[in-house]
C-alpha atoms as a PDB file:
ATOM      1  CA  MET A   1      70.179 205.961  51.342  1.00  0.00           C
ATOM      2  CA  CYS A   2      67.879 205.320  54.325  1.00  0.00           C
ATOM      3  CA  ARG A   3      70.851 205.608  56.696  1.00  0.00           C
ATOM      4  CA  PHE A   4      71.841 208.964  55.160  1.00  0.00           C
ATOM      5  CA  ILE A   5      68.284 210.308  55.494  1.00  0.00           C
ATOM      6  CA  SER A   6      67.994 209.195  59.117  1.00  0.00           C
ATOM      7  CA  ILE A   7      71.376 210.768  59.998  1.00  0.00           C
ATOM      8  CA  TYR A   8      70.295 213.970  58.243  1.00  0.00           C
ATOM      9  CA  ILE A   9      66.953 213.998  60.118  1.00  0.00           C
ATOM     10  CA  VAL A  10      68.743 213.432  63.448  1.00  0.00           C
ATOM     11  CA  PHE A  11      71.113 216.327  62.646  1.00  0.00           C
ATOM     12  CA  ILE A  12      68.232 218.647  61.702  1.00  0.00           C
ATOM     13  CA  SER A  13      66.388 217.734  64.912  1.00  0.00           C
ATOM     14  CA  ILE A  14      69.455 218.413  67.028  1.00  0.00           C
ATOM     15  CA  PHE A  15      70.265 221.608  65.117  1.00  0.00           C
ATOM     16  CA  LEU A  16      66.721 222.936  65.557  1.00  0.00           C
ATOM     17  CA  THR A  17      66.889 222.140  69.260  1.00  0.00           C
ATOM     18  CA  ILE A  18      70.210 223.963  69.618  1.00  0.00           C
ATOM     19  CA  ALA A  19      69.211 226.886  67.398  1.00  0.00           C
ATOM     20  CA  GLY A  20      65.680 227.201  68.795  1.00  0.00           C
ATOM     21  CA  CYS A  21      66.696 229.870  71.276  1.00  0.00           C
ATOM     22  CA  GLU A  22      68.224 231.976  68.503  1.00  0.00           C
ATOM     23  CA  SER A  23      65.359 231.666  66.015  1.00  0.00           C
ATOM     24  CA  THR A  24      63.611 234.876  67.103  1.00  0.00           C
ATOM     25  CA  LYS A  25      66.725 237.042  66.863  1.00  0.00           C
ATOM     26  CA  THR A  26      67.323 239.087  63.742  1.00  0.00           C
ATOM     27  CA  SER A  27      70.913 239.884  64.619  1.00  0.00           C
ATOM     28  CA  SER A  28      73.483 239.162  67.266  1.00  0.00           C
ATOM     29  CA  THR A  29      77.070 239.926  68.179  1.00  0.00           C
ATOM     30  CA  THR A  30      79.618 238.426  70.542  1.00  0.00           C
ATOM     31  CA  SER A  31      83.168 239.261  71.526  1.00  0.00           C
ATOM     32  CA  LYS A  32      86.038 237.307  73.048  1.00  0.00           C
ATOM     33  CA  THR A  33      89.713 237.900  73.764  1.00  0.00           C
ATOM     34  CA  ALA A  34      92.381 235.335  74.563  1.00  0.00           C
ATOM     35  CA  SER A  35      96.122 235.481  74.999  1.00  0.00           C
ATOM     36  CA  LYS A  36      98.994 233.054  75.171  1.00  0.00           C
ATOM     37  CA  GLU A  37      99.460 234.063  78.775  1.00  0.00           C
ATOM     38  CA  GLY A  38      95.708 233.925  79.467  1.00  0.00           C
ATOM     39  CA  SER A  39      93.183 236.690  80.059  1.00  0.00           C
ATOM     40  CA  SER A  40      90.194 237.510  82.175  1.00  0.00           C
ATOM     41  CA  THR A  41      87.687 236.859  79.399  1.00  0.00           C
ATOM     42  CA  ALA A  42      88.916 233.599  77.879  1.00  0.00           C
ATOM     43  CA  LYS A  43      91.683 231.073  78.270  1.00  0.00           C
ATOM     44  CA  PRO A  44      92.517 228.897  75.289  1.00  0.00           C
ATOM     45  CA  THR A  45      92.732 225.239  76.157  1.00  0.00           C
ATOM     46  CA  THR A  46      93.635 222.165  74.226  1.00  0.00           C
ATOM     47  CA  THR A  47      90.582 220.346  75.597  1.00  0.00           C
ATOM     48  CA  GLU A  48      88.049 222.404  73.652  1.00  0.00           C
ATOM     49  CA  LYS A  49      85.303 220.100  72.425  1.00  0.00           C
ATOM     50  CA  LYS A  50      84.136 220.061  68.842  1.00  0.00           C
ATOM     51  CA  VAL A  51      80.450 219.812  67.984  1.00  0.00           C
ATOM     52  CA  VAL A  52      79.676 216.136  67.524  1.00  0.00           C
ATOM     53  CA  VAL A  53      76.651 216.762  65.303  1.00  0.00           C
ATOM     54  CA  THR A  54      78.566 218.810  62.740  1.00  0.00           C
ATOM     55  CA  PRO A  55      77.751 217.602  59.223  1.00  0.00           C
ATOM     56  CA  SER A  56      80.593 216.863  56.831  1.00  0.00           C
ATOM     57  CA  THR A  57      78.991 219.086  54.216  1.00  0.00           C
ATOM     58  CA  PRO A  58      77.314 222.448  54.707  1.00  0.00           C
ATOM     59  CA  VAL A  59      73.605 222.555  55.429  1.00  0.00           C
ATOM     60  CA  VAL A  60      73.280 225.679  53.296  1.00  0.00           C
ATOM     61  CA  ASP A  61      75.503 227.341  50.723  1.00  0.00           C
ATOM     62  CA  ALA A  62      77.281 230.622  51.371  1.00  0.00           C
ATOM     63  CA  ASN A  63      79.559 233.051  49.566  1.00  0.00           C
ATOM     64  CA  LEU A  64      82.207 235.458  50.779  1.00  0.00           C
ATOM     65  CA  ALA A  65      81.476 239.191  50.671  1.00  0.00           C
ATOM     66  CA  PRO A  66      84.871 240.896  50.207  1.00  0.00           C
ATOM     67  CA  GLY A  67      83.311 244.334  49.630  1.00  0.00           C
ATOM     68  CA  MET A  68      81.710 244.186  53.073  1.00  0.00           C
ATOM     69  CA  GLU A  69      85.039 243.080  54.553  1.00  0.00           C
ATOM     70  CA  ARG A  70      86.738 246.187  53.150  1.00  0.00           C
ATOM     71  CA  ASP A  71      83.920 248.380  54.457  1.00  0.00           C
ATOM     72  CA  VAL A  72      84.220 246.913  57.968  1.00  0.00           C
ATOM     73  CA  LEU A  73      87.994 247.461  57.953  1.00  0.00           C
ATOM     74  CA  THR A  74      87.602 251.065  56.809  1.00  0.00           C
ATOM     75  CA  LEU A  75      84.966 251.801  59.463  1.00  0.00           C
ATOM     76  CA  VAL A  76      86.946 250.132  62.264  1.00  0.00           C
ATOM     77  CA  ASN A  77      90.108 252.015  61.312  1.00  0.00           C
ATOM     78  CA  ASP A  78      88.119 255.280  61.066  1.00  0.00           C
ATOM     79  CA  TYR A  79      86.853 254.629  64.599  1.00  0.00           C
ATOM     80  CA  ARG A  80      90.379 253.842  65.846  1.00  0.00           C
ATOM     81  CA  LYS A  81      91.571 257.123  64.322  1.00  0.00           C
ATOM     82  CA  THR A  82      89.047 259.053  66.445  1.00  0.00           C
ATOM     83  CA  LYS A  83      90.655 257.411  69.500  1.00  0.00           C
ATOM     84  CA  ARG A  84      94.174 258.313  68.254  1.00  0.00           C
ATOM     85  CA  LEU A  85      94.998 254.653  67.704  1.00  0.00           C
ATOM     86  CA  PRO A  86      97.035 253.358  64.762  1.00  0.00           C
ATOM     87  CA  PRO A  87      95.133 251.640  61.959  1.00  0.00           C
ATOM     88  CA  LEU A  88      94.983 247.866  61.969  1.00  0.00           C
ATOM     89  CA  GLN A  89      96.998 246.127  59.268  1.00  0.00           C
ATOM     90  CA  THR A  90      95.418 243.239  57.398  1.00  0.00           C
ATOM     91  CA  ASN A  91      97.163 239.894  57.541  1.00  0.00           C
ATOM     92  CA  ALA A  92      96.481 237.029  55.137  1.00  0.00           C
ATOM     93  CA  ALA A  93      96.701 234.257  57.780  1.00  0.00           C
ATOM     94  CA  ILE A  94      94.309 236.088  60.099  1.00  0.00           C
ATOM     95  CA  GLU A  95      91.955 236.910  57.232  1.00  0.00           C
ATOM     96  CA  TYR A  96      91.917 233.237  56.251  1.00  0.00           C
ATOM     97  CA  GLN A  97      90.807 232.244  59.757  1.00  0.00           C
ATOM     98  CA  ALA A  98      88.159 235.012  59.915  1.00  0.00           C
ATOM     99  CA  ARG A  99      86.714 234.010  56.543  1.00  0.00           C
ATOM    100  CA  ARG A 100      86.747 230.345  57.459  1.00  0.00           C
ATOM    101  CA  HIS A 101      84.945 231.019  60.750  1.00  0.00           C
ATOM    102  CA  SER A 102      82.277 233.174  59.051  1.00  0.00           C
ATOM    103  CA  MET A 103      81.804 230.509  56.376  1.00  0.00           C
ATOM    104  CA  ASP A 104      81.456 227.779  59.016  1.00  0.00           C
ATOM    105  CA  MET A 105      78.820 229.818  60.883  1.00  0.00           C
ATOM    106  CA  GLY A 106      77.034 230.867  57.684  1.00  0.00           C
ATOM    107  CA  THR A 107      76.777 227.287  56.424  1.00  0.00           C
ATOM    108  CA  HIS A 108      75.729 226.035  59.868  1.00  0.00           C
ATOM    109  CA  ARG A 109      78.752 223.771  60.228  1.00  0.00           C
ATOM    110  CA  ILE A 110      79.123 225.336  63.669  1.00  0.00           C
ATOM    111  CA  PRO A 111      76.752 227.463  65.742  1.00  0.00           C
ATOM    112  CA  PHE A 112      77.061 231.244  65.858  1.00  0.00           C
ATOM    113  CA  GLY A 113      79.694 232.274  68.385  1.00  0.00           C
ATOM    114  CA  HIS A 114      83.339 231.737  69.213  1.00  0.00           C
ATOM    115  CA  GLN A 115      83.571 227.975  68.939  1.00  0.00           C
ATOM    116  CA  GLY A 116      87.098 227.018  67.900  1.00  0.00           C
ATOM    117  CA  LEU A 117      88.733 230.295  68.993  1.00  0.00           C
ATOM    118  CA  SER A 118      91.600 228.450  70.650  1.00  0.00           C
ATOM    119  CA  PHE A 119      92.293 226.626  67.361  1.00  0.00           C
ATOM    120  CA  ARG A 120      92.198 229.894  65.380  1.00  0.00           C
ATOM    121  CA  MET A 121      94.466 231.472  67.970  1.00  0.00           C
ATOM    122  CA  LYS A 122      96.976 228.616  67.756  1.00  0.00           C
ATOM    123  CA  TYR A 123      97.027 228.833  63.946  1.00  0.00           C
ATOM    124  CA  ILE A 124      97.563 232.606  64.014  1.00  0.00           C
ATOM    125  CA  ILE A 125     100.326 232.414  66.637  1.00  0.00           C
ATOM    126  CA  GLU A 126     102.110 229.803  64.507  1.00  0.00           C
ATOM    127  CA  LYS A 127     101.720 231.748  61.233  1.00  0.00           C
ATOM    128  CA  VAL A 128     102.188 235.373  62.353  1.00  0.00           C
ATOM    129  CA  GLN A 129     105.525 236.015  64.012  1.00  0.00           C
ATOM    130  CA  GLY A 130     105.399 237.716  67.405  1.00  0.00           C
ATOM    131  CA  VAL A 131     101.652 237.365  68.011  1.00  0.00           C
ATOM    132  CA  SER A 132     100.735 236.469  71.600  1.00  0.00           C
ATOM    133  CA  GLN A 133      97.162 237.729  71.958  1.00  0.00           C
ATOM    134  CA  VAL A 134      94.073 237.312  69.804  1.00  0.00           C
ATOM    135  CA  GLY A 135      90.641 238.938  70.078  1.00  0.00           C
ATOM    136  CA  GLU A 136      87.523 238.214  68.073  1.00  0.00           C
ATOM    137  CA  ASN A 137      84.245 239.991  67.352  1.00  0.00           C
ATOM    138  CA  VAL A 138      81.405 238.223  65.552  1.00  0.00           C
ATOM    139  CA  ALA A 139      77.961 239.311  64.390  1.00  0.00           C
ATOM    140  CA  TYR A 140      75.158 238.089  62.171  1.00  0.00           C
ATOM    141  CA  GLY A 141      71.995 239.398  60.612  1.00  0.00           C
ATOM    142  CA  ASN A 142      70.817 241.454  57.670  1.00  0.00           C
ATOM    143  CA  LEU A 143      73.154 244.267  58.602  1.00  0.00           C
ATOM    144  CA  SER A 144      75.270 246.788  56.763  1.00  0.00           C
ATOM    145  CA  ALA A 145      78.954 247.115  57.608  1.00  0.00           C
ATOM    146  CA  LYS A 146      78.145 250.419  59.325  1.00  0.00           C
ATOM    147  CA  ALA A 147      75.417 248.816  61.464  1.00  0.00           C
ATOM    148  CA  VAL A 148      77.779 246.027  62.550  1.00  0.00           C
ATOM    149  CA  VAL A 149      80.608 248.395  63.475  1.00  0.00           C
ATOM    150  CA  ASN A 150      78.205 250.763  65.279  1.00  0.00           C
ATOM    151  CA  GLY A 151      76.809 247.788  67.209  1.00  0.00           C
ATOM    152  CA  TRP A 152      80.319 246.738  68.211  1.00  0.00           C
ATOM    153  CA  ILE A 153      81.125 250.313  69.299  1.00  0.00           C
ATOM    154  CA  LYS A 154      78.062 250.326  71.573  1.00  0.00           C
ATOM    155  CA  SER A 155      79.079 247.024  73.205  1.00  0.00           C
ATOM    156  CA  PRO A 156      81.824 247.330  75.877  1.00  0.00           C
ATOM    157  CA  ASP A 157      83.414 243.942  75.071  1.00  0.00           C
ATOM    158  CA  HIS A 158      83.460 244.554  71.308  1.00  0.00           C
ATOM    159  CA  ARG A 159      84.685 248.107  71.767  1.00  0.00           C
ATOM    160  CA  GLN A 160      87.498 246.821  73.994  1.00  0.00           C
ATOM    161  CA  ASN A 161      88.738 244.658  71.107  1.00  0.00           C
ATOM    162  CA  MET A 162      88.353 247.536  68.632  1.00  0.00           C
ATOM    163  CA  GLU A 163      90.303 249.890  70.900  1.00  0.00           C
ATOM    164  CA  GLY A 164      92.814 247.250  71.954  1.00  0.00           C
ATOM    165  CA  ASN A 165      96.544 247.491  71.465  1.00  0.00           C
ATOM    166  CA  PHE A 166      96.260 245.248  68.417  1.00  0.00           C
ATOM    167  CA  LYS A 167      98.403 245.568  65.293  1.00  0.00           C
ATOM    168  CA  TYR A 168      96.858 243.070  62.859  1.00  0.00           C
ATOM    169  CA  THR A 169      93.370 242.130  61.775  1.00  0.00           C
ATOM    170  CA  GLY A 170      91.524 239.805  59.468  1.00  0.00           C
ATOM    171  CA  ILE A 171      87.877 240.158  58.527  1.00  0.00           C
ATOM    172  CA  GLY A 172      85.563 237.543  57.062  1.00  0.00           C
ATOM    173  CA  VAL A 173      81.999 238.169  55.893  1.00  0.00           C
ATOM    174  CA  THR A 174      79.774 235.437  54.477  1.00  0.00           C
ATOM    175  CA  ARG A 175      76.303 235.733  52.953  1.00  0.00           C
ATOM    176  CA  ASN A 176      74.325 232.490  52.949  1.00  0.00           C
ATOM    177  CA  MET A 177      71.439 231.496  50.700  1.00  0.00           C
ATOM    178  CA  GLN A 178      68.946 232.778  53.279  1.00  0.00           C
ATOM    179  CA  ASN A 179      70.569 236.216  52.819  1.00  0.00           C
ATOM    180  CA  GLN A 180      71.964 236.172  56.372  1.00  0.00           C
ATOM    181  CA  LEU A 181      75.357 237.797  56.827  1.00  0.00           C
ATOM    182  CA  TYR A 182      77.941 236.399  59.251  1.00  0.00           C
ATOM    183  CA  PHE A 183      80.792 238.685  60.302  1.00  0.00           C
ATOM    184  CA  THR A 184      84.074 237.759  62.005  1.00  0.00           C
ATOM    185  CA  GLN A 185      86.826 240.212  62.860  1.00  0.00           C
ATOM    186  CA  ILE A 186      89.962 238.800  64.451  1.00  0.00           C
ATOM    187  CA  PHE A 187      92.487 241.082  66.131  1.00  0.00           C
ATOM    188  CA  ALA A 188      96.084 240.115  66.955  1.00  0.00           C
ATOM    189  CA  LYS A 189      99.175 241.560  68.636  1.00  0.00           C
END
């Protein structure tokens, strides 16, 4: 029991050190795109490092928010329509990865961001025939679906993914016990 408590205390200390810079933010978003051939914003590699301090169980509990996922999809496709772009089609394999990533961020298994994108990309390329490029937008905070999508529209990198020549999407939204929402939208073509 003492060993478990000391490991837990070490993890909390490390987590607070890592998360200290983010503690004053109420919301945040990031965007990344990667392709099989490579891209200017990210290149997937097989040497991506995993977080060593990741606990085997979540630090906090979280639940999926499928209603918010539908709202985000509707708003993104409405935006794409204004740009004369075809609507994105949902895909179960991509949705699984988006939900898993949001759940991992929401339960603090991994930090907020794009950690593991190359693994999600590899999974999607293997499961969805013909996919060669993957993009990802993430956000967190006490935000509505409309606020998240509007924030992504205002950000050039997020907007680039939203306006990209993508065919498929998967959206994952998680609400943790601290009432924080974590959003992941993955795009694929």
